[in-house]
Amino acid sequence: MPFAESMMSTLRSNKAIKLDKSKRFRKTLGGYDKQRKTEYNFPKATPQQLEMIKYKLKRENQILWLKVIGVSFLIIGGLLWILLL
């Protein structure tokens, strides 16, 4: 039975060597203190600013889709041209 005893002692020594990750991760993020509250200082947005942001996002999305469709047509056209030659 020396093999089993050797295996058990190896497991015990590996367990002793292994790092305690729970303590290490608690320190990296500043801990998990329940009393600690994160405060954010967001600026107030007016309705006009929100409408402007909405308009810009819609416009950017339209431009993106036009580019995607254009590139898709170019790729499909190129493949068709290659296949028909």
N, C-alpha and C. Protein backbone atom coordinates (compact mmCIF):
# COMPACT_ATOMS: atom_id res chain seq x y z
N MET A 1 0.78 -1.21 0.00
CA MET A 1 0.00 0.00 0.00
C MET A 1 0.83 1.28 0.00
N PRO A 2 2.11 1.22 -0.28
CA PRO A 2 2.88 2.47 -0.28
C PRO A 2 2.42 3.42 -1.37
N PHE A 3 1.86 2.87 -2.45
CA PHE A 3 1.39 3.74 -3.53
C PHE A 3 0.24 4.63 -3.06
N ALA A 4 -0.72 4.09 -2.33
CA ALA A 4 -1.86 4.87 -1.84
C ALA A 4 -1.40 5.92 -0.83
N GLU A 5 -0.47 5.54 0.04
CA GLU A 5 0.03 6.50 1.03
C GLU A 5 0.79 7.64 0.35
N SER A 6 1.54 7.29 -0.68
CA SER A 6 2.29 8.29 -1.41
C SER A 6 1.33 9.26 -2.12
N MET A 7 0.28 8.70 -2.69
CA MET A 7 -0.70 9.53 -3.37
C MET A 7 -1.39 10.47 -2.39
N MET A 8 -1.74 9.96 -1.22
CA MET A 8 -2.41 10.79 -0.21
C MET A 8 -1.49 11.90 0.28
N SER A 9 -0.22 11.59 0.48
CA SER A 9 0.69 12.64 0.96
C SER A 9 0.91 13.69 -0.13
N THR A 10 0.94 13.26 -1.39
CA THR A 10 1.08 14.22 -2.50
C THR A 10 -0.13 15.14 -2.55
N LEU A 11 -1.32 14.59 -2.41
CA LEU A 11 -2.53 15.41 -2.42
C LEU A 11 -2.54 16.40 -1.26
N ARG A 12 -2.12 15.95 -0.08
CA ARG A 12 -2.08 16.86 1.07
C ARG A 12 -1.09 17.99 0.86
N SER A 13 0.06 17.68 0.31
CA SER A 13 1.07 18.72 0.11
C SER A 13 0.63 19.69 -0.99
N ASN A 14 -0.01 19.19 -2.04
CA ASN A 14 -0.52 20.08 -3.09
C ASN A 14 -1.60 21.01 -2.55
N LYS A 15 -2.44 20.49 -1.68
CA LYS A 15 -3.49 21.31 -1.09
C LYS A 15 -2.89 22.41 -0.22
N ALA A 16 -1.83 22.11 0.47
CA ALA A 16 -1.18 23.11 1.32
C ALA A 16 -0.49 24.18 0.48
N ILE A 17 0.02 23.80 -0.67
CA ILE A 17 0.73 24.75 -1.53
C ILE A 17 -0.23 25.67 -2.27
N LYS A 18 -1.42 25.16 -2.56
CA LYS A 18 -2.38 25.89 -3.39
C LYS A 18 -2.73 27.25 -2.77
N LEU A 19 -2.84 28.27 -3.61
CA LEU A 19 -3.16 29.62 -3.13
C LEU A 19 -4.62 29.72 -2.71
N ASP A 20 -4.86 30.54 -1.71
CA ASP A 20 -6.23 30.79 -1.29
C ASP A 20 -6.77 31.93 -2.14
N LYS A 21 -7.50 31.59 -3.19
CA LYS A 21 -7.96 32.59 -4.15
C LYS A 21 -9.08 33.45 -3.61
N SER A 22 -9.85 32.96 -2.68
CA SER A 22 -10.95 33.77 -2.17
C SER A 22 -10.44 35.01 -1.45
N LYS A 23 -9.37 34.86 -0.67
CA LYS A 23 -8.81 36.03 0.02
C LYS A 23 -8.14 36.98 -0.96
N ARG A 24 -7.48 36.41 -1.97
CA ARG A 24 -6.78 37.25 -2.94
C ARG A 24 -7.77 38.11 -3.74
N PHE A 25 -8.90 37.54 -4.18
CA PHE A 25 -9.86 38.30 -4.97
C PHE A 25 -10.61 39.32 -4.12
N ARG A 26 -10.78 39.06 -2.86
CA ARG A 26 -11.43 40.06 -2.00
C ARG A 26 -10.60 41.34 -1.92
N LYS A 27 -9.30 41.20 -1.95
CA LYS A 27 -8.43 42.36 -1.83
C LYS A 27 -8.33 43.15 -3.13
N THR A 28 -8.46 42.51 -4.28
CA THR A 28 -8.24 43.21 -5.54
C THR A 28 -9.35 44.19 -5.86
N LEU A 29 -10.58 43.88 -5.51
CA LEU A 29 -11.69 44.75 -5.84
C LEU A 29 -12.09 45.67 -4.70
N GLY A 30 -11.30 45.75 -3.68
CA GLY A 30 -11.62 46.62 -2.57
C GLY A 30 -12.55 45.97 -1.58
N GLY A 31 -12.79 44.71 -1.72
CA GLY A 31 -13.63 43.99 -0.79
C GLY A 31 -15.09 44.01 -1.17
N TYR A 32 -15.85 43.31 -0.40
CA TYR A 32 -17.28 43.21 -0.64
C TYR A 32 -18.02 43.84 0.55
N ASP A 33 -17.65 45.05 0.87
CA ASP A 33 -18.25 45.74 2.00
C ASP A 33 -19.66 46.17 1.63
N LYS A 34 -20.65 45.75 2.42
CA LYS A 34 -22.04 46.06 2.09
C LYS A 34 -22.40 47.52 2.41
N GLN A 35 -21.66 48.15 3.31
CA GLN A 35 -21.94 49.54 3.64
C GLN A 35 -21.41 50.49 2.57
N ARG A 36 -20.48 50.04 1.78
CA ARG A 36 -19.88 50.88 0.76
C ARG A 36 -20.84 51.06 -0.40
N LYS A 37 -21.12 52.29 -0.77
CA LYS A 37 -22.06 52.58 -1.83
C LYS A 37 -21.34 53.37 -2.92
N THR A 38 -21.51 52.93 -4.16
CA THR A 38 -20.89 53.63 -5.27
C THR A 38 -21.79 54.79 -5.67
N GLU A 39 -21.21 55.96 -5.77
CA GLU A 39 -21.99 57.12 -6.17
C GLU A 39 -21.57 57.56 -7.56
N TYR A 40 -22.56 57.88 -8.36
CA TYR A 40 -22.31 58.36 -9.71
C TYR A 40 -22.81 59.79 -9.82
N ASN A 41 -22.06 60.59 -10.54
CA ASN A 41 -22.42 61.99 -10.72
C ASN A 41 -22.70 62.21 -12.21
N PHE A 42 -23.88 61.77 -12.66
CA PHE A 42 -24.24 61.93 -14.05
C PHE A 42 -24.82 63.32 -14.29
N PRO A 43 -24.46 63.94 -15.41
CA PRO A 43 -25.06 65.24 -15.71
C PRO A 43 -26.52 65.06 -16.13
N LYS A 44 -27.32 66.07 -15.85
CA LYS A 44 -28.73 66.03 -16.22
C LYS A 44 -28.85 66.35 -17.71
N ALA A 45 -29.66 65.58 -18.41
CA ALA A 45 -29.85 65.79 -19.85
C ALA A 45 -31.21 66.45 -20.08
N THR A 46 -31.22 67.44 -20.93
CA THR A 46 -32.48 68.11 -21.27
C THR A 46 -33.18 67.29 -22.36
N PRO A 47 -34.49 67.48 -22.52
CA PRO A 47 -35.21 66.76 -23.58
C PRO A 47 -34.64 67.04 -24.98
N GLN A 48 -34.16 68.27 -25.20
CA GLN A 48 -33.57 68.59 -26.50
C GLN A 48 -32.30 67.77 -26.74
N GLN A 49 -31.47 67.64 -25.71
CA GLN A 49 -30.25 66.85 -25.84
C GLN A 49 -30.58 65.39 -26.12
N LEU A 50 -31.60 64.86 -25.45
CA LEU A 50 -31.99 63.48 -25.66
C LEU A 50 -32.49 63.26 -27.08
N GLU A 51 -33.25 64.22 -27.60
CA GLU A 51 -33.73 64.12 -28.98
C GLU A 51 -32.57 64.17 -29.97
N MET A 52 -31.59 65.02 -29.69
CA MET A 52 -30.43 65.14 -30.55
C MET A 52 -29.63 63.83 -30.55
N ILE A 53 -29.45 63.23 -29.38
CA ILE A 53 -28.75 61.96 -29.27
C ILE A 53 -29.51 60.88 -30.04
N LYS A 54 -30.82 60.87 -29.90
CA LYS A 54 -31.65 59.89 -30.60
C LYS A 54 -31.51 60.05 -32.10
N TYR A 55 -31.52 61.28 -32.60
CA TYR A 55 -31.39 61.55 -34.03
C TYR A 55 -30.03 61.10 -34.54
N LYS A 56 -28.96 61.41 -33.77
CA LYS A 56 -27.61 61.04 -34.19
C LYS A 56 -27.45 59.52 -34.24
N LEU A 57 -28.00 58.81 -33.26
CA LEU A 57 -27.90 57.36 -33.26
C LEU A 57 -28.64 56.75 -34.44
N LYS A 58 -29.82 57.28 -34.75
CA LYS A 58 -30.56 56.77 -35.90
C LYS A 58 -29.80 57.02 -37.19
N ARG A 59 -29.22 58.20 -37.32
CA ARG A 59 -28.46 58.56 -38.53
C ARG A 59 -27.23 57.66 -38.68
N GLU A 60 -26.51 57.43 -37.59
CA GLU A 60 -25.35 56.56 -37.63
C GLU A 60 -25.74 55.14 -38.02
N ASN A 61 -26.88 54.68 -37.50
CA ASN A 61 -27.35 53.33 -37.82
C ASN A 61 -27.72 53.23 -39.30
N GLN A 62 -28.35 54.28 -39.86
CA GLN A 62 -28.69 54.28 -41.28
C GLN A 62 -27.43 54.23 -42.14
N ILE A 63 -26.43 55.01 -41.79
CA ILE A 63 -25.18 55.03 -42.55
C ILE A 63 -24.49 53.66 -42.47
N LEU A 64 -24.50 53.07 -41.29
CA LEU A 64 -23.89 51.75 -41.12
C LEU A 64 -24.57 50.71 -42.01
N TRP A 65 -25.91 50.71 -42.03
CA TRP A 65 -26.63 49.74 -42.85
C TRP A 65 -26.40 49.97 -44.34
N LEU A 66 -26.31 51.24 -44.74
CA LEU A 66 -26.00 51.51 -46.14
C LEU A 66 -24.63 50.96 -46.52
N LYS A 67 -23.66 51.11 -45.64
CA LYS A 67 -22.33 50.57 -45.90
C LYS A 67 -22.36 49.05 -45.97
N VAL A 68 -23.07 48.42 -45.06
CA VAL A 68 -23.14 46.95 -45.04
C VAL A 68 -23.80 46.44 -46.31
N ILE A 69 -24.90 47.06 -46.71
CA ILE A 69 -25.60 46.64 -47.92
C ILE A 69 -24.73 46.87 -49.15
N GLY A 70 -24.04 48.01 -49.21
CA GLY A 70 -23.17 48.31 -50.34
C GLY A 70 -22.04 47.29 -50.46
N VAL A 71 -21.38 46.98 -49.37
CA VAL A 71 -20.29 46.02 -49.39
C VAL A 71 -20.82 44.63 -49.76
N SER A 72 -22.00 44.28 -49.25
CA SER A 72 -22.59 42.98 -49.58
C SER A 72 -22.85 42.87 -51.07
N PHE A 73 -23.42 43.93 -51.68
CA PHE A 73 -23.67 43.91 -53.12
C PHE A 73 -22.36 43.81 -53.91
N LEU A 74 -21.33 44.51 -53.45
CA LEU A 74 -20.04 44.42 -54.14
C LEU A 74 -19.47 43.00 -54.08
N ILE A 75 -19.56 42.38 -52.92
CA ILE A 75 -19.04 41.02 -52.77
C ILE A 75 -19.84 40.04 -53.62
N ILE A 76 -21.16 40.14 -53.57
CA ILE A 76 -22.01 39.24 -54.36
C ILE A 76 -21.79 39.48 -55.84
N GLY A 77 -21.71 40.73 -56.24
CA GLY A 77 -21.44 41.05 -57.64
C GLY A 77 -20.09 40.50 -58.09
N GLY A 78 -19.08 40.63 -57.27
CA GLY A 78 -17.76 40.11 -57.61
C GLY A 78 -17.77 38.59 -57.73
N LEU A 79 -18.47 37.93 -56.83
CA LEU A 79 -18.56 36.47 -56.90
C LEU A 79 -19.31 36.03 -58.16
N LEU A 80 -20.40 36.71 -58.47
CA LEU A 80 -21.16 36.38 -59.68
C LEU A 80 -20.31 36.63 -60.93
N TRP A 81 -19.55 37.70 -60.94
CA TRP A 81 -18.70 38.02 -62.09
C TRP A 81 -17.63 36.93 -62.28
N ILE A 82 -17.07 36.47 -61.16
CA ILE A 82 -16.05 35.42 -61.23
C ILE A 82 -16.67 34.11 -61.71
N LEU A 83 -17.87 33.79 -61.23
CA LEU A 83 -18.51 32.54 -61.62
C LEU A 83 -18.95 32.55 -63.09
N LEU A 84 -19.34 33.71 -63.61
CA LEU A 84 -19.82 33.77 -64.97
C LEU A 84 -18.70 33.85 -66.00
N LEU A 85 -17.49 34.12 -65.59
CA LEU A 85 -16.37 34.17 -66.52
C LEU A 85 -15.97 32.83 -66.97
